[in-house]
Protein backbone atom coordinates (compact mmCIF):
# COMPACT_ATOMS: atom_id res chain seq x y z
CA ARG A 1 4.70 19.84 -3.68
CA ARG A 2 6.54 18.48 -0.62
CA MET A 3 9.46 17.50 -2.85
CA LYS A 4 9.74 21.08 -4.20
CA VAL A 5 9.74 22.53 -0.69
CA VAL A 6 12.37 20.07 0.50
CA LEU A 7 14.64 20.67 -2.50
CA HIS A 8 14.30 24.41 -1.98
CA ILE A 9 15.41 24.05 1.65
CA LEU A 10 18.40 21.93 0.66
CA LEU A 11 19.40 24.43 -2.02
CA LEU A 12 19.25 27.30 0.45
CA PHE A 13 21.34 25.31 2.89
CA VAL A 14 24.05 24.56 0.32
CA LEU A 15 24.12 28.14 -0.98
CA ASP A 16 24.31 29.50 2.55
CA THR A 17 27.17 27.14 3.38
CA GLN A 18 29.09 27.97 0.22
CA GLY A 19 28.54 31.71 0.63
CA SER A 20 29.72 31.90 4.22
CA LYS A 21 33.13 33.56 4.59
CA SER A 22 33.24 33.78 8.34
CA VAL A 23 34.83 30.32 8.73
CA PRO A 24 37.62 28.89 6.56
CA HIS A 25 36.65 25.71 4.67
CA THR A 26 38.80 23.30 6.62
CA ARG A 27 38.46 19.55 6.17
CA VAL A 28 36.53 19.33 9.45
CA ASN A 29 34.10 22.03 8.36
CA VAL A 30 33.52 20.34 5.01
CA LEU A 31 32.84 17.03 6.74
CA THR A 32 30.47 18.80 9.12
CA MET A 33 28.68 20.40 6.17
CA TRP A 34 28.18 17.10 4.36
CA GLY A 35 27.16 15.45 7.59
CA ARG A 36 24.37 18.01 7.85
CA VAL A 37 23.39 17.41 4.24
CA PHE A 38 23.25 13.66 4.86
CA SER A 39 21.08 14.20 7.96
CA LEU A 40 18.76 16.44 5.98
CA LEU A 41 18.49 13.82 3.24
CA LEU A 42 17.47 11.23 5.81
CA ILE A 43 14.79 13.57 7.09
CA VAL A 44 13.66 14.22 3.53
CA GLN A 45 13.47 10.51 2.80
CA ALA A 46 11.36 9.86 5.89
CA SER A 47 9.09 12.78 5.01
CA LEU A 48 8.53 11.60 1.45
CA GLN A 49 7.77 8.04 2.58
CA ALA A 50 5.19 9.13 5.15
CA ASP A 51 1.54 8.66 4.27
CA PRO A 52 -0.58 11.84 4.06
CA PRO A 53 -2.59 12.54 7.23
CA ALA A 54 -5.98 10.86 7.31
CA PRO A 55 -9.16 12.55 8.63
CA ASP A 56 -9.50 12.59 12.42
CA VAL A 57 -12.38 10.13 12.16
CA TYR A 58 -13.43 8.15 9.11
CA GLN A 59 -15.31 5.01 8.20
CA VAL A 60 -14.30 2.18 5.90
CA VAL A 61 -16.97 0.01 4.32
CA PHE A 62 -15.84 -3.42 3.15
CA ASP A 63 -18.17 -5.42 0.93
CA THR A 64 -17.47 -9.15 1.04
CA ASP A 65 -18.73 -12.34 -0.55
CA ILE A 66 -19.72 -13.62 2.89
CA ALA A 67 -23.02 -11.77 3.28
CA ASP A 68 -24.92 -8.76 2.00
CA THR A 69 -24.15 -6.91 5.23
CA PRO A 70 -20.85 -5.03 4.85
CA VAL A 71 -18.16 -4.77 7.49
CA ILE A 72 -17.98 -1.15 8.63
CA ILE A 73 -14.91 0.05 10.50
CA GLU A 74 -14.68 3.36 12.31
CA VAL A 75 -11.11 4.65 12.49
CA THR A 76 -10.00 7.22 15.07
CA ARG A 77 -6.69 8.74 14.05
CA SER A 78 -5.71 9.85 17.57
CA LEU A 79 -5.53 6.19 18.63
CA ALA A 80 -2.70 5.39 16.23
CA PRO A 81 -1.94 8.19 13.73
CA LEU A 82 0.56 6.34 11.56
CA GLY A 83 -1.62 3.25 11.38
CA ALA A 84 -4.73 5.29 10.59
CA ASP A 85 -2.88 7.18 7.85
CA ARG A 86 -1.62 3.97 6.24
CA PHE A 87 -5.02 2.25 6.39
CA TYR A 88 -6.67 5.30 4.82
CA ALA A 89 -4.11 5.39 2.01
CA LEU A 90 -4.51 1.67 1.33
CA VAL A 91 -8.29 1.77 1.12
CA GLN A 92 -8.23 4.90 -1.04
CA ASP A 93 -5.80 3.17 -3.40
CA GLY A 94 -7.99 0.05 -3.67
CA PHE A 95 -5.40 -2.21 -2.09
CA TYR A 96 -7.92 -4.44 -0.31
CA ASN A 97 -10.22 -4.88 -3.33
CA GLU A 98 -10.52 -8.54 -4.32
CA SER A 99 -8.27 -9.68 -1.47
CA ALA A 100 -8.67 -12.95 0.40
CA LEU A 101 -9.34 -13.30 4.12
CA PHE A 102 -6.42 -15.67 4.40
CA ARG A 103 -6.22 -16.25 8.14
CA VAL A 104 -9.29 -17.12 10.17
CA VAL A 105 -8.71 -18.26 13.75
CA PRO A 106 -12.03 -18.86 15.54
CA GLY A 107 -11.99 -17.41 19.02
CA PHE A 108 -9.02 -15.21 18.18
CA VAL A 109 -8.67 -13.06 15.02
CA LEU A 110 -9.51 -12.54 11.36
CA GLN A 111 -6.45 -11.42 9.37
CA PHE A 112 -6.15 -9.99 5.87
CA GLY A 113 -4.01 -7.54 3.92
CA ILE A 114 -2.34 -9.21 0.95
CA SER A 115 -3.75 -7.80 -2.26
CA GLY A 116 -5.01 -9.91 -5.11
CA ASN A 117 -3.31 -7.37 -7.38
CA SER A 118 0.43 -7.95 -7.80
CA ASP A 119 1.05 -4.31 -8.68
CA MET A 120 -0.55 -3.27 -5.38
CA ASN A 121 1.63 -5.72 -3.50
CA ASP A 122 4.73 -4.36 -5.20
CA LYS A 123 3.69 -0.86 -4.19
CA TRP A 124 2.58 -1.41 -0.60
CA LEU A 125 3.15 -4.86 0.87
CA HIS A 126 6.73 -4.28 2.00
CA LYS A 127 6.54 -0.54 2.66
CA GLU A 128 7.02 -0.40 6.42
CA ILE A 129 5.87 2.26 8.86
CA LYS A 130 7.00 3.01 12.40
CA ASP A 131 5.06 1.71 15.38
CA ASP A 132 2.47 3.82 17.15
CA PRO A 133 2.32 3.91 20.95
CA VAL A 134 -0.48 1.67 22.18
CA LYS A 135 -3.27 3.97 23.37
CA GLY A 136 -6.29 1.70 22.88
CA THR A 137 -6.86 -1.91 23.79
CA ASN A 138 -7.43 -4.99 21.66
CA ILE A 139 -10.93 -5.80 22.79
CA ARG A 140 -13.55 -7.62 20.69
CA GLY A 141 -14.24 -5.85 17.41
CA THR A 142 -11.14 -3.65 17.33
CA ILE A 143 -8.69 -3.64 14.43
CA SER A 144 -4.88 -3.47 14.57
CA PHE A 145 -1.95 -3.98 12.22
CA ALA A 146 -0.17 -7.31 12.19
CA THR A 147 3.61 -7.14 12.55
CA ALA A 148 6.77 -9.17 12.13
CA GLY A 149 8.53 -7.27 14.91
CA PRO A 150 9.11 -3.62 15.82
CA ASP A 151 8.43 -1.04 13.08
CA THR A 152 7.35 -3.62 10.48
CA ARG A 153 3.70 -2.69 9.89
CA THR A 154 2.75 -2.53 6.23
CA THR A 155 -0.67 -3.67 4.99
CA GLN A 156 -1.81 -6.64 7.03
CA VAL A 157 -4.44 -6.04 9.69
CA PHE A 158 -6.55 -8.18 11.98
CA ILE A 159 -9.97 -7.89 13.59
CA ASN A 160 -10.20 -9.18 17.14
CA TYR A 161 -12.91 -11.79 17.54
CA ILE A 162 -12.61 -11.70 21.34
CA ASP A 163 -11.00 -9.62 24.08
CA ASN A 164 -7.34 -9.91 23.12
CA SER A 165 -6.12 -7.15 25.43
CA ARG A 166 -3.07 -9.29 26.21
CA LEU A 167 -1.79 -8.14 22.80
CA ASP A 168 -1.53 -4.55 24.06
CA SER A 169 1.74 -5.20 25.86
CA MET A 170 3.16 -6.75 22.69
CA GLY A 171 2.86 -3.45 20.83
CA PHE A 172 -0.27 -4.04 18.76
CA ALA A 173 -1.95 -0.63 18.60
CA PRO A 174 -5.66 -0.63 17.69
CA PHE A 175 -6.63 2.18 15.33
CA GLY A 176 -10.36 1.53 15.00
CA LYS A 177 -13.30 -0.75 15.65
CA VAL A 178 -15.98 -2.61 13.75
CA THR A 179 -19.23 -0.71 14.22
CA ALA A 180 -21.39 -2.91 11.99
CA GLY A 181 -21.01 -6.29 10.33
CA LEU A 182 -18.92 -8.02 12.97
CA ASP A 183 -21.17 -11.05 12.47
CA THR A 184 -20.16 -10.99 8.79
CA ALA A 185 -16.49 -10.97 9.76
CA GLU A 186 -17.07 -13.84 12.17
CA ALA A 187 -18.72 -15.89 9.42
CA ALA A 188 -15.62 -15.81 7.20
CA PHE A 189 -14.70 -19.23 5.82
CA ASN A 190 -11.75 -20.81 7.60
CA PRO A 191 -9.39 -21.98 4.83
CA THR A 192 -6.99 -23.77 7.19
CA PRO A 193 -8.93 -25.49 9.99
CA GLY A 194 -6.52 -26.87 12.55
CA ASP A 195 -3.74 -24.54 11.38
CA GLN A 196 -3.80 -21.15 13.10
CA GLY A 197 -1.13 -19.79 10.77
CA GLY A 198 -3.55 -19.54 7.88
CA VAL A 199 -2.70 -19.64 4.20
CA ASP A 200 0.94 -19.58 3.11
CA GLN A 201 1.40 -15.82 2.75
CA ASN A 202 4.44 -15.95 0.48
CA LYS A 203 2.66 -18.19 -1.99
CA TYR A 204 -0.42 -15.98 -1.95
CA GLU A 205 1.69 -12.89 -2.59
CA TYR A 206 3.42 -14.39 -5.62
CA LEU A 207 0.77 -16.75 -7.03
CA GLY A 208 -2.27 -14.55 -6.46
CA ASN A 209 -6.01 -15.08 -6.42
CA ASP A 210 -6.20 -17.84 -9.03
CA TRP A 211 -3.89 -19.97 -6.90
CA ILE A 212 -5.63 -19.29 -3.60
CA ARG A 213 -9.10 -19.99 -5.03
CA GLU A 214 -7.92 -23.29 -6.47
CA GLU A 215 -5.95 -24.29 -3.37
CA TYR A 216 -8.60 -23.20 -0.85
CA PRO A 217 -12.08 -23.54 -2.38
CA GLY A 218 -14.62 -21.47 -0.50
CA ILE A 219 -12.14 -18.94 0.87
CA SER A 220 -13.79 -15.60 1.63
CA PHE A 221 -12.94 -12.34 -0.12
CA ILE A 222 -13.22 -8.63 0.36
CA LEU A 223 -14.86 -7.48 -2.87
CA GLY A 224 -14.22 -3.78 -2.42
CA GLY A 225 -13.58 -1.06 0.12
CA ALA A 226 -14.55 2.60 0.32
CA VAL A 227 -13.87 5.48 2.70
CA SER A 228 -16.48 7.75 4.21
CA GLU A 229 -15.38 10.80 6.17
CA ARG A 230 -18.89 11.26 7.46
CA GLN A 231 -18.82 10.73 11.21
CA PRO A 232 -21.46 8.39 12.65
């Protein structure tokens, strides 16, 4: 539907430009016209790549193989709208189903967000979104997107095990908090003790769950995720 609206706007713009007789079509005017078209196309591209708006408040329930108690995350969109929209889209699409908790750093964070499904990785893993201004703070139990620099958020997120408010000034914008099951998250198996970097992410992306299970026996998994728009 958005594509139809955008194409309609572009068509009206071109027809209006071609039908105008008040200004001769000089080379400068033609360049100006196509400059406007190019600008509009950039706007269109950004619009089409944006994730649909998520509910103002929603819950995500992650079942894991760690314990019967699920990890429940309450997301507040006003904290980080772009991050909340992306997380909602990912969970709804089943991206985190059967995905490994590949980075466990006791006393720091739990990180995940590479799918066990290669098709999901092709679709989402390198689809970047812009940064949100930091409105919350990375205290114990909050969740934020991991980054590789400015405007590089995609799918990877981390749960803060402790008060990591020092991350606020680095641009990590929390978009929610764990409201139940933080003890489950804290009990995740550490696949790389002594190495805070966690599992080799490139290998996991390309070699998948069979590889990571063989290479890191006992590694913990998210079994499935579901969204609830019911406010607590």
